[in-house]
Amino acid sequence: CFSNVTLLPLPPYSPELNPVEQLWQQIKQRFLSNTTFQNYDDVIERSYQAWNEILSEDGFIKNLCSREWSFLV
């Protein structure tokens, strides 16, 4: 694309560079940890419930995943 831009692969775990990892960590810690599931459908259902709970918290994802240094001012 651009001659002055070099793309670098992200490390396997890089929450500061890939903020969605922090979102996944919050879902696991707050909603899915220390839980037993009856079957795969139970895992899916509980994941949906967790996601909807996260979405109901105004600004939670934006506050968790935004990075001041990632926006051009």
Protein backbone atom coordinates (compact mmCIF):
# COMPACT_ATOMS: atom_id res chain seq x y z
CA CYS A 1 0.00 0.00 0.00
CA PHE A 2 2.22 2.73 1.35
CA SER A 3 5.97 2.62 1.08
CA ASN A 4 6.46 4.24 4.49
CA VAL A 5 4.19 1.84 6.45
CA THR A 6 5.27 -1.53 7.77
CA LEU A 7 2.70 -3.93 9.22
CA LEU A 8 3.83 -5.97 12.19
CA PRO A 9 1.99 -9.01 13.51
CA LEU A 10 0.63 -8.74 17.02
CA PRO A 11 2.07 -10.98 19.73
CA PRO A 12 -0.25 -13.88 20.72
CA TYR A 13 -1.41 -12.03 23.83
CA SER A 14 -1.27 -8.27 23.62
CA PRO A 15 -4.21 -6.66 25.44
CA GLU A 16 -2.72 -3.19 25.12
CA LEU A 17 -2.51 -3.54 21.34
CA ASN A 18 -5.66 -5.62 20.87
CA PRO A 19 -8.21 -4.27 23.38
CA VAL A 20 -10.86 -6.85 22.49
CA GLU A 21 -8.78 -9.23 24.61
CA GLN A 22 -9.65 -7.11 27.64
CA LEU A 23 -13.32 -7.35 26.75
CA TRP A 24 -13.08 -11.13 26.52
CA GLN A 25 -11.26 -11.20 29.86
CA GLN A 26 -14.06 -9.20 31.49
CA ILE A 27 -16.71 -11.54 30.10
CA LYS A 28 -14.82 -14.58 31.34
CA GLN A 29 -14.15 -13.13 34.80
CA ARG A 30 -17.55 -11.59 35.44
CA PHE A 31 -19.90 -14.09 33.83
CA LEU A 32 -18.30 -17.38 32.85
CA SER A 33 -15.74 -18.23 35.52
CA ASN A 34 -16.48 -20.76 38.25
CA THR A 35 -19.46 -22.00 36.28
CA THR A 36 -20.38 -25.48 35.18
CA PHE A 37 -22.24 -25.93 31.94
CA GLN A 38 -24.60 -28.74 31.09
CA ASN A 39 -23.68 -28.82 27.41
CA TYR A 40 -22.44 -26.75 24.50
CA ASP A 41 -25.78 -24.98 24.08
CA ASP A 42 -25.58 -23.92 27.72
CA VAL A 43 -22.17 -22.33 27.06
CA ILE A 44 -23.58 -20.47 24.06
CA GLU A 45 -26.65 -19.29 25.97
CA ARG A 46 -24.61 -18.04 28.93
CA SER A 47 -22.21 -16.28 26.54
CA TYR A 48 -25.16 -14.51 24.89
CA GLN A 49 -26.45 -13.45 28.30
CA ALA A 50 -23.02 -12.15 29.28
CA TRP A 51 -22.68 -10.20 26.03
CA ASN A 52 -26.11 -8.63 26.45
CA GLU A 53 -25.29 -7.68 30.03
CA ILE A 54 -22.07 -5.99 28.86
CA LEU A 55 -23.99 -4.13 26.13
CA SER A 56 -26.52 -2.86 28.67
CA GLU A 57 -23.78 -1.00 30.56
CA ASP A 58 -23.55 2.37 28.85
CA GLY A 59 -20.03 3.19 27.71
CA PHE A 60 -18.46 0.06 29.21
CA ILE A 61 -16.93 -1.23 25.97
CA LYS A 62 -15.78 2.21 24.91
CA ASN A 63 -14.12 2.85 28.27
CA LEU A 64 -12.53 -0.58 28.39
CA CYS A 65 -11.27 -0.76 24.81
CA SER A 66 -10.43 2.82 23.84
CA ARG A 67 -6.85 3.97 23.90
CA GLU A 68 -5.92 7.63 24.10
CA TRP A 69 -2.82 7.08 21.99
CA SER A 70 -4.79 5.39 19.18
CA PHE A 71 -6.73 8.50 18.11
CA LEU A 72 -5.34 11.26 15.98
CA VAL A 73 -5.88 14.65 17.57
